[in-house]
Protein backbone atom coordinates (compact mmCIF):
# COMPACT_ATOMS: atom_id res chain seq x y z
CA MET A 1 10.27 51.78 74.90
CA TYR A 2 9.98 48.24 73.04
CA VAL A 3 8.01 44.90 75.33
CA TYR A 4 8.97 41.91 74.50
CA TRP A 5 7.94 38.75 76.03
CA LEU A 6 10.54 34.97 77.15
CA GLU A 7 8.74 31.41 75.58
CA SER A 8 11.68 29.46 76.97
CA ALA A 9 15.17 30.54 77.21
CA GLY A 10 16.55 32.77 74.81
CA GLU A 11 13.37 32.60 72.55
CA LEU A 12 11.91 35.59 72.57
CA THR A 13 8.02 35.66 71.30
CA VAL A 14 5.05 37.00 72.73
CA LYS A 15 3.95 34.93 75.35
CA LYS A 16 4.44 36.18 78.94
CA GLN A 17 5.55 40.12 78.82
CA ILE A 18 8.70 40.67 80.75
CA LYS A 19 9.65 44.44 80.18
CA LEU A 20 14.15 43.48 79.26
CA SER A 21 14.23 47.47 80.22
CA ALA A 22 13.67 47.11 83.78
CA ILE A 23 15.63 43.54 83.97
CA VAL A 24 18.66 45.15 82.70
CA ALA A 25 18.37 48.70 84.75
CA VAL A 26 17.32 46.38 87.96
CA LEU A 27 21.06 44.25 87.23
CA LEU A 28 22.80 47.18 86.55
CA GLY A 29 21.85 48.80 89.38
CA THR A 30 21.88 52.70 88.98
CA GLY A 31 24.40 52.71 85.86
CA GLY A 32 21.70 51.17 83.66
CA VAL A 33 19.13 54.27 85.09
CA LEU A 34 22.50 56.07 83.76
CA PHE A 35 23.18 54.22 80.38
CA ALA A 36 19.51 54.79 80.52
CA LEU A 37 19.54 58.30 80.65
CA LEU A 38 22.48 58.91 79.12
CA ASN A 39 21.35 57.42 75.53
CA ALA A 40 18.33 58.82 75.46
CA ARG A 41 19.73 61.53 73.42
CA ALA A 42 19.22 61.31 69.71
CA VAL A 43 22.54 60.31 67.75
CA THR A 44 23.63 62.21 64.39
CA VAL A 45 23.47 59.65 61.56
CA PRO A 46 24.36 60.02 58.20
CA GLN A 47 21.79 59.69 55.53
CA THR A 48 23.38 57.18 53.92
CA PHE A 49 23.34 54.73 56.60
CA LEU A 50 19.33 55.21 57.29
CA PRO A 51 17.21 51.97 57.62
CA ALA A 52 16.45 51.63 54.20
CA LYS A 53 13.32 49.20 53.14
CA SER A 54 14.15 45.11 52.61
CA LYS A 55 12.94 44.86 48.88
CA ALA A 56 11.91 41.01 49.96
CA ALA A 57 8.19 41.00 50.56
CA GLY A 58 8.09 44.25 50.97
CA THR A 59 9.33 44.46 54.19
CA SER A 60 10.31 47.27 56.30
CA ALA A 61 13.65 45.22 58.18
CA LEU A 62 16.89 46.69 58.10
CA VAL A 63 19.30 45.38 55.62
CA ALA A 64 22.95 43.86 56.05
CA ASP A 65 24.56 47.81 55.08
CA ASN A 66 23.00 49.23 58.47
CA ALA A 67 26.15 46.77 60.26
CA GLY A 68 28.79 49.88 59.72
CA VAL A 69 26.55 52.72 61.91
CA LEU A 70 27.20 51.83 65.85
CA ASP A 71 23.63 53.28 66.93
CA LYS A 72 21.90 52.16 69.60
CA ARG A 73 20.92 48.77 69.40
CA ARG A 74 24.29 47.46 68.81
CA GLN A 75 25.98 50.70 71.77
CA PHE A 76 23.60 48.58 73.95
CA ALA A 77 24.57 45.61 72.79
CA LEU A 78 28.11 45.31 72.86
CA GLY A 79 28.42 47.86 75.65
CA MET A 80 26.42 44.52 77.39
CA ILE A 81 28.32 41.48 76.02
CA GLU A 82 31.83 43.74 76.12
CA SER A 83 31.37 45.30 80.57
CA GLY A 84 27.23 44.86 81.30
CA ASN A 85 28.16 49.07 80.33
CA ASP A 86 31.00 49.59 83.03
CA ASP A 87 32.36 52.79 82.13
CA ARG A 88 34.61 52.10 84.96
CA GLU A 89 35.78 48.34 83.15
CA ILE A 90 39.09 47.97 82.55
CA GLY A 91 40.04 44.47 80.38
CA GLY A 92 42.60 41.76 81.47
CA LEU A 93 45.01 43.34 78.09
CA GLY A 94 44.36 46.73 79.30
CA GLU A 95 41.11 46.91 77.44
CA VAL A 96 39.18 50.47 78.67
CA SER A 97 35.11 52.05 78.09
CA ARG A 98 32.32 49.62 78.57
CA TYR A 99 33.56 49.17 75.18
CA GLN A 100 37.18 47.54 76.04
CA ILE A 101 38.28 49.73 73.96
CA MET A 102 42.79 48.98 73.66
CA PRO A 103 43.98 52.39 74.55
CA SER A 104 46.68 52.25 71.36
CA VAL A 105 43.08 52.31 69.53
CA TRP A 106 41.73 54.80 71.19
CA ARG A 107 44.38 56.89 70.37
CA GLN A 108 43.99 56.58 66.97
CA TYR A 109 40.75 58.68 66.92
CA THR A 110 41.54 61.36 69.87
CA SER A 111 44.39 62.12 72.56
CA SER A 112 41.55 62.78 75.04
CA ARG A 113 41.90 59.78 78.50
CA SER A 114 39.00 60.45 79.75
CA TYR A 115 37.80 56.47 79.01
CA GLN A 116 35.12 55.99 81.64
CA ASN A 117 33.66 59.37 80.13
CA PRO A 118 29.98 57.91 77.70
CA GLU A 119 30.35 60.38 75.23
CA ALA A 120 33.92 60.25 74.93
CA SER A 121 33.84 56.31 74.63
CA LEU A 122 30.99 56.31 72.47
CA LYS A 123 32.83 58.70 69.72
CA VAL A 124 35.67 57.24 69.47
CA ALA A 125 33.61 53.97 69.41
CA GLN A 126 31.60 54.51 66.58
CA GLN A 127 34.94 55.55 64.92
CA HIS A 128 36.25 52.67 65.51
CA TRP A 129 33.29 50.36 64.56
CA PHE A 130 32.29 52.26 61.34
CA ALA A 131 37.19 52.01 60.41
CA LEU A 132 36.51 48.14 60.63
CA TYR A 133 33.24 48.28 58.61
CA ALA A 134 35.04 50.11 55.87
CA GLN A 135 38.41 47.83 55.38
CA LEU A 136 35.80 44.49 55.67
CA LYS A 137 33.25 45.89 53.53
CA GLN A 138 36.64 46.52 51.24
CA GLN A 139 38.01 42.81 51.53
CA ILE A 140 34.98 40.53 51.53
CA HIS A 141 33.33 42.89 48.64
CA ARG A 142 29.86 42.63 49.93
CA GLU A 143 28.05 44.16 53.27
CA PRO A 144 29.50 43.19 56.36
CA THR A 145 26.84 41.84 58.89
CA ASP A 146 26.38 42.25 63.13
CA PHE A 147 28.33 38.72 63.20
CA ASP A 148 31.14 39.80 60.90
CA MET A 149 31.67 43.31 62.78
CA TYR A 150 32.16 41.95 66.05
CA VAL A 151 34.38 39.10 65.13
CA LEU A 152 36.56 42.40 64.09
CA TRP A 153 35.51 43.96 67.43
CA ASN A 154 36.71 41.18 69.91
CA THR A 155 39.97 39.89 68.06
CA HIS A 156 42.76 40.39 66.46
CA TYR A 157 43.85 42.39 63.56
CA GLY A 158 43.29 39.58 60.32
CA TYR A 159 41.77 37.00 63.33
CA TYR A 160 38.69 36.36 60.66
CA ALA A 161 40.92 36.98 57.10
CA ASP A 162 43.19 34.68 58.36
CA ARG A 163 40.22 32.47 58.99
CA GLY A 164 38.40 33.26 54.97
CA PHE A 165 35.59 35.03 57.00
CA LYS A 166 34.29 31.74 57.85
CA PRO A 167 32.21 31.32 60.92
CA SER A 168 32.38 28.13 60.76
CA HIS A 169 35.88 28.72 60.63
CA LEU A 170 35.90 30.62 64.08
CA ASP A 171 37.10 29.33 67.55
CA ALA A 172 33.65 28.11 69.79
CA VAL A 173 34.33 31.12 71.94
CA VAL A 174 34.66 34.07 69.41
CA ARG A 175 31.24 32.78 67.19
CA ASP A 176 29.30 32.61 70.57
CA ARG A 177 29.64 36.13 71.15
CA ALA A 178 30.04 36.71 68.16
CA GLN A 179 26.30 35.48 67.89
CA ARG A 180 25.20 36.96 71.77
CA PHE A 181 25.91 40.05 70.11
CA VAL A 182 23.76 39.47 67.10
CA ASN A 183 21.09 38.48 69.13
CA LEU A 184 21.72 41.11 71.79
CA VAL A 185 20.78 43.60 68.21
CA GLU A 186 17.93 41.72 66.98
CA HIS A 187 16.06 40.86 70.51
CA GLY A 188 17.55 43.39 73.12
CA GLU A 189 15.84 46.46 74.63
CA PHE A 190 18.33 49.36 75.29
């Protein structure tokens, strides 16, 4: 378990020790504990998507190509922003599961209607995430970032392309949510 410290609002440093997982569990109640237990099991990731060593300065930081995998950090961040990791959440446009997937998108990957089943929703989310990643990578001719991926996840088809794949051309709400996703991926605890 990683431990992060808060120095000021939104800034993680090594000053005051606060275990974020405990805070999340308290805020989400039993749902937070259930989430932690369900996500404690291993996820099989294709070898090509395992973390790579960064060539810069010989560090072992994750590189951008990992944005194609909805790993545990991204699962947690996506679920938190979309629904507070509530498997029963139904969005204003009918989005289902903790990942807020449109039922029409869900049906592209499975005939199951087990929207509240964490395992089923994770499988659908992972498949859709990778499909978005592959499509975006082909369009922009570079590795998509976590910011790029969240914009695709949270907007309608063509929204990002219509804005030239430029964050500065996005609506402020979309840009802010995408940045919150990136912050949770980088600094959040799952």
